[in-house]
Amino acid sequence: MDKTGKWTFEGFSPRLDKLDSRIREKAIEIANGLLETEDISEAAAIEQGIVRAEQWFYDLEA
Protein backbone atom coordinates (compact mmCIF):
# COMPACT_ATOMS: atom_id res chain seq x y z
CA MET A 1 0.00 0.00 0.00
CA ASP A 2 1.35 3.45 -0.84
CA LYS A 3 1.07 6.70 1.15
CA THR A 4 -2.38 7.44 -0.31
CA GLY A 5 -3.72 4.17 1.05
CA LYS A 6 -3.89 2.53 -2.37
CA TRP A 7 -2.41 -0.86 -3.08
CA THR A 8 0.49 -0.79 -5.54
CA PHE A 9 0.72 -4.57 -6.09
CA GLU A 10 4.50 -4.51 -6.19
CA GLY A 11 4.60 -8.27 -5.57
CA PHE A 12 2.84 -8.72 -8.88
CA SER A 13 5.24 -6.57 -10.88
CA PRO A 14 6.42 -9.35 -13.26
CA ARG A 15 2.80 -9.91 -14.39
CA LEU A 16 1.99 -6.19 -14.46
CA ASP A 17 5.26 -5.16 -16.14
CA LYS A 18 4.35 -7.13 -19.25
CA LEU A 19 1.22 -5.03 -19.78
CA ASP A 20 0.86 -1.87 -21.83
CA SER A 21 1.14 1.06 -19.40
CA ARG A 22 -2.50 2.05 -19.97
CA ILE A 23 -3.69 -1.46 -19.17
CA ARG A 24 -1.42 -1.64 -16.12
CA GLU A 25 -2.77 1.63 -14.71
CA LYS A 26 -6.37 0.55 -15.31
CA ALA A 27 -5.73 -2.90 -13.79
CA ILE A 28 -4.37 -1.31 -10.62
CA GLU A 29 -7.31 1.10 -10.49
CA ILE A 30 -9.79 -1.75 -10.86
CA ALA A 31 -7.97 -3.94 -8.33
CA ASN A 32 -7.92 -1.10 -5.79
CA GLY A 33 -11.66 -0.67 -6.28
CA LEU A 34 -12.25 -4.37 -5.75
CA LEU A 35 -10.23 -4.34 -2.54
CA GLU A 36 -12.28 -1.41 -1.23
CA THR A 37 -15.68 -2.88 -2.08
CA GLU A 38 -15.33 -6.66 -1.88
CA ASP A 39 -13.90 -9.28 0.44
CA ILE A 40 -11.20 -10.41 -1.97
CA SER A 41 -7.51 -11.30 -1.76
CA GLU A 42 -4.87 -9.13 -3.37
CA ALA A 43 -4.04 -11.92 -5.80
CA ALA A 44 -7.66 -12.31 -6.90
CA ALA A 45 -8.11 -8.54 -7.14
CA ILE A 46 -5.12 -8.07 -9.41
CA GLU A 47 -6.06 -11.04 -11.59
CA GLN A 48 -9.58 -9.68 -12.02
CA GLY A 49 -8.18 -6.20 -12.52
CA ILE A 50 -5.92 -7.39 -15.33
CA VAL A 51 -8.70 -9.29 -17.09
CA ARG A 52 -11.11 -6.36 -16.84
CA ALA A 53 -8.46 -3.82 -17.87
CA GLU A 54 -7.51 -5.86 -20.94
CA GLN A 55 -11.19 -6.04 -21.93
CA TRP A 56 -11.52 -2.29 -21.35
CA PHE A 57 -8.50 -1.65 -23.57
CA TYR A 58 -9.66 -3.92 -26.37
CA ASP A 59 -13.10 -2.30 -26.26
CA LEU A 60 -11.38 1.06 -26.82
CA GLU A 61 -9.59 -0.34 -29.85
CA ALA A 62 -12.78 -1.73 -31.44
PDB file of N, CA and C in Angstrom:
ATOM      1  N   MET A   1       0.853  -1.170   0.000  1.00  0.00           N
ATOM      2  CA  MET A   1       0.000   0.000   0.000  1.00  0.00           C
ATOM      3  C   MET A   1       0.902   1.237   0.000  1.00  0.00           C
ATOM      4  N   ASP A   2       0.539   2.238  -0.790  1.00  0.00           N
ATOM      5  CA  ASP A   2       1.352   3.451  -0.837  1.00  0.00           C
ATOM      6  C   ASP A   2       0.846   4.475   0.172  1.00  0.00           C
ATOM      7  N   LYS A   3       1.411   5.667   0.173  1.00  0.00           N
ATOM      8  CA  LYS A   3       1.070   6.704   1.150  1.00  0.00           C
ATOM      9  C   LYS A   3      -0.365   7.197   1.030  1.00  0.00           C
ATOM     10  N   THR A   4      -0.989   7.001  -0.118  1.00  0.00           N
ATOM     11  CA  THR A   4      -2.375   7.439  -0.311  1.00  0.00           C
ATOM     12  C   THR A   4      -3.366   6.385   0.158  1.00  0.00           C
ATOM     13  N   GLY A   5      -2.850   5.236   0.609  1.00  0.00           N
ATOM     14  CA  GLY A   5      -3.719   4.165   1.051  1.00  0.00           C
ATOM     15  C   GLY A   5      -4.140   3.229  -0.063  1.00  0.00           C
ATOM     16  N   LYS A   6      -3.559   3.386  -1.232  1.00  0.00           N
ATOM     17  CA  LYS A   6      -3.890   2.528  -2.368  1.00  0.00           C
ATOM     18  C   LYS A   6      -2.856   1.419  -2.476  1.00  0.00           C
ATOM     19  N   TRP A   7      -3.313   0.249  -2.859  1.00  0.00           N
ATOM     20  CA  TRP A   7      -2.407  -0.862  -3.080  1.00  0.00           C
ATOM     21  C   TRP A   7      -1.622  -0.624  -4.362  1.00  0.00           C
ATOM     22  N   THR A   8      -0.347  -0.960  -4.349  1.00  0.00           N
ATOM     23  CA  THR A   8       0.493  -0.792  -5.537  1.00  0.00           C
ATOM     24  C   THR A   8       0.792  -2.122  -6.211  1.00  0.00           C
ATOM     25  N   PHE A   9       0.552  -3.233  -5.524  1.00  0.00           N
ATOM     26  CA  PHE A   9       0.720  -4.566  -6.086  1.00  0.00           C
ATOM     27  C   PHE A   9       2.138  -4.817  -6.568  1.00  0.00           C
ATOM     28  N   GLU A  10       3.107  -4.340  -5.790  1.00  0.00           N
ATOM     29  CA  GLU A  10       4.500  -4.513  -6.185  1.00  0.00           C
ATOM     30  C   GLU A  10       4.902  -5.977  -6.285  1.00  0.00           C
ATOM     31  N   GLY A  11       4.287  -6.848  -5.496  1.00  0.00           N
ATOM     32  CA  GLY A  11       4.600  -8.272  -5.567  1.00  0.00           C
ATOM     33  C   GLY A  11       4.171  -8.909  -6.877  1.00  0.00           C
ATOM     34  N   PHE A  12       3.338  -8.207  -7.614  1.00  0.00           N
ATOM     35  CA  PHE A  12       2.844  -8.720  -8.884  1.00  0.00           C
ATOM     36  C   PHE A  12       3.534  -8.053 -10.061  1.00  0.00           C
ATOM     37  N   SER A  13       4.619  -7.345  -9.822  1.00  0.00           N
ATOM     38  CA  SER A  13       5.241  -6.569 -10.881  1.00  0.00           C
ATOM     39  C   SER A  13       5.640  -7.374 -12.115  1.00  0.00           C
ATOM     40  N   PRO A  14       6.097  -8.630 -12.005  1.00  0.00           N
ATOM     41  CA  PRO A  14       6.416  -9.346 -13.258  1.00  0.00           C
ATOM     42  C   PRO A  14       5.191  -9.471 -14.169  1.00  0.00           C
ATOM     43  N   ARG A  15       4.042  -9.770 -13.596  1.00  0.00           N
ATOM     44  CA  ARG A  15       2.804  -9.910 -14.385  1.00  0.00           C
ATOM     45  C   ARG A  15       2.359  -8.544 -14.908  1.00  0.00           C
ATOM     46  N   LEU A  16       2.432  -7.535 -14.068  1.00  0.00           N
ATOM     47  CA  LEU A  16       1.995  -6.193 -14.458  1.00  0.00           C
ATOM     48  C   LEU A  16       2.966  -5.534 -15.432  1.00  0.00           C
ATOM     49  N   ASP A  17       4.251  -5.792 -15.282  1.00  0.00           N
ATOM     50  CA  ASP A  17       5.261  -5.160 -16.135  1.00  0.00           C
ATOM     51  C   ASP A  17       5.114  -5.534 -17.603  1.00  0.00           C
ATOM     52  N   LYS A  18       4.506  -6.672 -17.873  1.00  0.00           N
ATOM     53  CA  LYS A  18       4.352  -7.126 -19.249  1.00  0.00           C
ATOM     54  C   LYS A  18       3.206  -6.412 -19.962  1.00  0.00           C
ATOM     55  N   LEU A  19       2.394  -5.686 -19.207  1.00  0.00           N
ATOM     56  CA  LEU A  19       1.219  -5.025 -19.778  1.00  0.00           C
ATOM     57  C   LEU A  19       1.565  -3.658 -20.349  1.00  0.00           C
ATOM     58  N   ASP A  20       0.819  -3.246 -21.333  1.00  0.00           N
ATOM     59  CA  ASP A  20       0.865  -1.875 -21.827  1.00  0.00           C
ATOM     60  C   ASP A  20       0.607  -0.962 -20.619  1.00  0.00           C
ATOM     61  N   SER A  21       1.256   0.175 -20.570  1.00  0.00           N
ATOM     62  CA  SER A  21       1.140   1.060 -19.402  1.00  0.00           C
ATOM     63  C   SER A  21      -0.299   1.478 -19.127  1.00  0.00           C
ATOM     64  N   ARG A  22      -1.099   1.666 -20.179  1.00  0.00           N
ATOM     65  CA  ARG A  22      -2.503   2.054 -19.974  1.00  0.00           C
ATOM     66  C   ARG A  22      -3.292   0.922 -19.337  1.00  0.00           C
ATOM     67  N   ILE A  23      -3.006  -0.311 -19.752  1.00  0.00           N
ATOM     68  CA  ILE A  23      -3.691  -1.463 -19.173  1.00  0.00           C
ATOM     69  C   ILE A  23      -3.242  -1.653 -17.731  1.00  0.00           C
ATOM     70  N   ARG A  24      -1.952  -1.492 -17.473  1.00  0.00           N
ATOM     71  CA  ARG A  24      -1.422  -1.641 -16.117  1.00  0.00           C
ATOM     72  C   ARG A  24      -2.076  -0.652 -15.159  1.00  0.00           C
ATOM     73  N   GLU A  25      -2.150   0.609 -15.563  1.00  0.00           N
ATOM     74  CA  GLU A  25      -2.770   1.632 -14.711  1.00  0.00           C
ATOM     75  C   GLU A  25      -4.239   1.302 -14.437  1.00  0.00           C
ATOM     76  N   LYS A  26      -4.949   0.883 -15.465  1.00  0.00           N
ATOM     77  CA  LYS A  26      -6.366   0.546 -15.312  1.00  0.00           C
ATOM     78  C   LYS A  26      -6.530  -0.688 -14.435  1.00  0.00           C
ATOM     79  N   ALA A  27      -5.665  -1.685 -14.607  1.00  0.00           N
ATOM     80  CA  ALA A  27      -5.731  -2.898 -13.792  1.00  0.00           C
ATOM     81  C   ALA A  27      -5.545  -2.574 -12.314  1.00  0.00           C
ATOM     82  N   ILE A  28      -4.601  -1.707 -12.008  1.00  0.00           N
ATOM     83  CA  ILE A  28      -4.369  -1.314 -10.617  1.00  0.00           C
ATOM     84  C   ILE A  28      -5.563  -0.536 -10.078  1.00  0.00           C
ATOM     85  N   GLU A  29      -6.116   0.344 -10.893  1.00  0.00           N
ATOM     86  CA  GLU A  29      -7.306   1.103 -10.494  1.00  0.00           C
ATOM     87  C   GLU A  29      -8.473   0.158 -10.187  1.00  0.00           C
ATOM     88  N   ILE A  30      -8.701  -0.802 -11.062  1.00  0.00           N
ATOM     89  CA  ILE A  30      -9.792  -1.753 -10.861  1.00  0.00           C
ATOM     90  C   ILE A  30      -9.533  -2.611  -9.623  1.00  0.00           C
ATOM     91  N   ALA A  31      -8.309  -3.108  -9.478  1.00  0.00           N
ATOM     92  CA  ALA A  31      -7.969  -3.941  -8.327  1.00  0.00           C
ATOM     93  C   ALA A  31      -8.140  -3.174  -7.023  1.00  0.00           C
ATOM     94  N   ASN A  32      -7.728  -1.914  -6.984  1.00  0.00           N
ATOM     95  CA  ASN A  32      -7.923  -1.095  -5.790  1.00  0.00           C
ATOM     96  C   ASN A  32      -9.408  -0.961  -5.466  1.00  0.00           C
ATOM     97  N   GLY A  33     -10.219  -0.763  -6.487  1.00  0.00           N
ATOM     98  CA  GLY A  33     -11.660  -0.666  -6.277  1.00  0.00           C
ATOM     99  C   GLY A  33     -12.245  -1.955  -5.725  1.00  0.00           C
ATOM    100  N   LEU A  34     -11.783  -3.080  -6.250  1.00  0.00           N
ATOM    101  CA  LEU A  34     -12.250  -4.370  -5.755  1.00  0.00           C
ATOM    102  C   LEU A  34     -11.878  -4.576  -4.292  1.00  0.00           C
ATOM    103  N   LEU A  35     -10.659  -4.189  -3.928  1.00  0.00           N
ATOM    104  CA  LEU A  35     -10.226  -4.339  -2.539  1.00  0.00           C
ATOM    105  C   LEU A  35     -11.035  -3.464  -1.581  1.00  0.00           C
ATOM    106  N   GLU A  36     -11.486  -2.316  -2.068  1.00  0.00           N
ATOM    107  CA  GLU A  36     -12.278  -1.414  -1.232  1.00  0.00           C
ATOM    108  C   GLU A  36     -13.717  -1.879  -1.068  1.00  0.00           C
ATOM    109  N   THR A  37     -14.251  -2.575  -2.072  1.00  0.00           N
ATOM    110  CA  THR A  37     -15.679  -2.880  -2.075  1.00  0.00           C
ATOM    111  C   THR A  37     -16.015  -4.347  -1.868  1.00  0.00           C
ATOM    112  N   GLU A  38     -15.048  -5.232  -1.986  1.00  0.00           N
ATOM    113  CA  GLU A  38     -15.327  -6.657  -1.880  1.00  0.00           C
ATOM    114  C   GLU A  38     -14.354  -7.334  -0.931  1.00  0.00           C
ATOM    115  N   ASP A  39     -14.779  -8.459  -0.396  1.00  0.00           N
ATOM    116  CA  ASP A  39     -13.905  -9.283   0.435  1.00  0.00           C
ATOM    117  C   ASP A  39     -13.135 -10.200  -0.500  1.00  0.00           C
ATOM    118  N   ILE A  40     -11.963  -9.729  -0.929  1.00  0.00           N
ATOM    119  CA  ILE A  40     -11.196 -10.413  -1.973  1.00  0.00           C
ATOM    120  C   ILE A  40      -9.713 -10.319  -1.638  1.00  0.00           C
ATOM    121  N   SER A  41      -8.958 -11.335  -2.006  1.00  0.00           N
ATOM    122  CA  SER A  41      -7.514 -11.304  -1.761  1.00  0.00           C
ATOM    123  C   SER A  41      -6.840 -10.377  -2.768  1.00  0.00           C
ATOM    124  N   GLU A  42      -5.631  -9.957  -2.433  1.00  0.00           N
ATOM    125  CA  GLU A  42      -4.867  -9.126  -3.369  1.00  0.00           C
ATOM    126  C   GLU A  42      -4.637  -9.859  -4.679  1.00  0.00           C
ATOM    127  N   ALA A  43      -4.310 -11.139  -4.595  1.00  0.00           N
ATOM    128  CA  ALA A  43      -4.041 -11.916  -5.803  1.00  0.00           C
ATOM    129  C   ALA A  43      -5.271 -11.976  -6.701  1.00  0.00           C
ATOM    130  N   ALA A  44      -6.430 -12.242  -6.113  1.00  0.00           N
ATOM    131  CA  ALA A  44      -7.658 -12.312  -6.902  1.00  0.00           C
ATOM    132  C   ALA A  44      -8.018 -10.941  -7.464  1.00  0.00           C
ATOM    133  N   ALA A  45      -7.801  -9.897  -6.680  1.00  0.00           N
ATOM    134  CA  ALA A  45      -8.114  -8.537  -7.137  1.00  0.00           C
ATOM    135  C   ALA A  45      -7.262  -8.158  -8.338  1.00  0.00           C
ATOM    136  N   ILE A  46      -5.975  -8.459  -8.291  1.00  0.00           N
ATOM    137  CA  ILE A  46      -5.120  -8.073  -9.405  1.00  0.00           C
ATOM    138  C   ILE A  46      -5.414  -8.926 -10.634  1.00  0.00           C
ATOM    139  N   GLU A  47      -5.711 -10.203 -10.447  1.00  0.00           N
ATOM    140  CA  GLU A  47      -6.061 -11.039 -11.593  1.00  0.00           C
ATOM    141  C   GLU A  47      -7.335 -10.535 -12.260  1.00  0.00           C
ATOM    142  N   GLN A  48      -8.353 -10.223 -11.467  1.00  0.00           N
ATOM    143  CA  GLN A  48      -9.585  -9.682 -12.024  1.00  0.00           C
ATOM    144  C   GLN A  48      -9.336  -8.312 -12.640  1.00  0.00           C
ATOM    145  N   GLY A  49      -8.510  -7.513 -11.993  1.00  0.00           N
ATOM    146  CA  GLY A  49      -8.179  -6.199 -12.522  1.00  0.00           C
ATOM    147  C   GLY A  49      -7.523  -6.278 -13.884  1.00  0.00           C
ATOM    148  N   ILE A  50      -6.613  -7.227 -14.046  1.00  0.00           N
ATOM    149  CA  ILE A  50      -5.924  -7.394 -15.328  1.00  0.00           C
ATOM    150  C   ILE A  50      -6.908  -7.825 -16.408  1.00  0.00           C
ATOM    151  N   VAL A  51      -7.736  -8.804 -16.100  1.00  0.00           N
ATOM    152  CA  VAL A  51      -8.704  -9.290 -17.089  1.00  0.00           C
ATOM    153  C   VAL A  51      -9.644  -8.160 -17.512  1.00  0.00           C
ATOM    154  N   ARG A  52     -10.173  -7.436 -16.536  1.00  0.00           N
ATOM    155  CA  ARG A  52     -11.115  -6.357 -16.845  1.00  0.00           C
ATOM    156  C   ARG A  52     -10.429  -5.209 -17.584  1.00  0.00           C
ATOM    157  N   ALA A  53      -9.187  -4.904 -17.212  1.00  0.00           N
ATOM    158  CA  ALA A  53      -8.458  -3.822 -17.874  1.00  0.00           C
ATOM    159  C   ALA A  53      -8.135  -4.187 -19.319  1.00  0.00           C
ATOM    160  N   GLU A  54      -7.773  -5.441 -19.562  1.00  0.00           N
ATOM    161  CA  GLU A  54      -7.514  -5.862 -20.937  1.00  0.00           C
ATOM    162  C   GLU A  54      -8.784  -5.753 -21.772  1.00  0.00           C
ATOM    163  N   GLN A  55      -9.917  -6.155 -21.211  1.00  0.00           N
ATOM    164  CA  GLN A  55     -11.186  -6.042 -21.933  1.00  0.00           C
ATOM    165  C   GLN A  55     -11.507  -4.575 -22.204  1.00  0.00           C
ATOM    166  N   TRP A  56     -11.296  -3.724 -21.204  1.00  0.00           N
ATOM    167  CA  TRP A  56     -11.517  -2.287 -21.349  1.00  0.00           C
ATOM    168  C   TRP A  56     -10.666  -1.737 -22.501  1.00  0.00           C
ATOM    169  N   PHE A  57      -9.408  -2.131 -22.537  1.00  0.00           N
ATOM    170  CA  PHE A  57      -8.495  -1.654 -23.570  1.00  0.00           C
ATOM    171  C   PHE A  57      -8.915  -2.115 -24.956  1.00  0.00           C
ATOM    172  N   TYR A  58      -9.269  -3.397 -25.059  1.00  0.00           N
ATOM    173  CA  TYR A  58      -9.662  -3.925 -26.371  1.00  0.00           C
ATOM    174  C   TYR A  58     -10.985  -3.321 -26.839  1.00  0.00           C
ATOM    175  N   ASP A  59     -11.863  -2.998 -25.907  1.00  0.00           N
ATOM    176  CA  ASP A  59     -13.101  -2.303 -26.264  1.00  0.00           C
ATOM    177  C   ASP A  59     -12.809  -0.906 -26.824  1.00  0.00           C
ATOM    178  N   LEU A  60     -11.775  -0.252 -26.298  1.00  0.00           N
ATOM    179  CA  LEU A  60     -11.383   1.062 -26.816  1.00  0.00           C
ATOM    180  C   LEU A  60     -10.873   0.957 -28.250  1.00  0.00           C
ATOM    181  N   GLU A  61     -10.185  -0.132 -28.540  1.00  0.00           N
ATOM    182  CA  GLU A  61      -9.586  -0.344 -29.848  1.00  0.00           C
ATOM    183  C   GLU A  61     -10.621  -0.707 -30.908  1.00  0.00           C
ATOM    184  N   ALA A  62     -11.759  -1.232 -30.485  1.00  0.00           N
ATOM    185  CA  ALA A  62     -12.783  -1.727 -31.439  1.00  0.00           C
ATOM    186  C   ALA A  62     -13.483  -0.590 -32.153  1.00  0.00           C
TER     187      ALA A  62
END
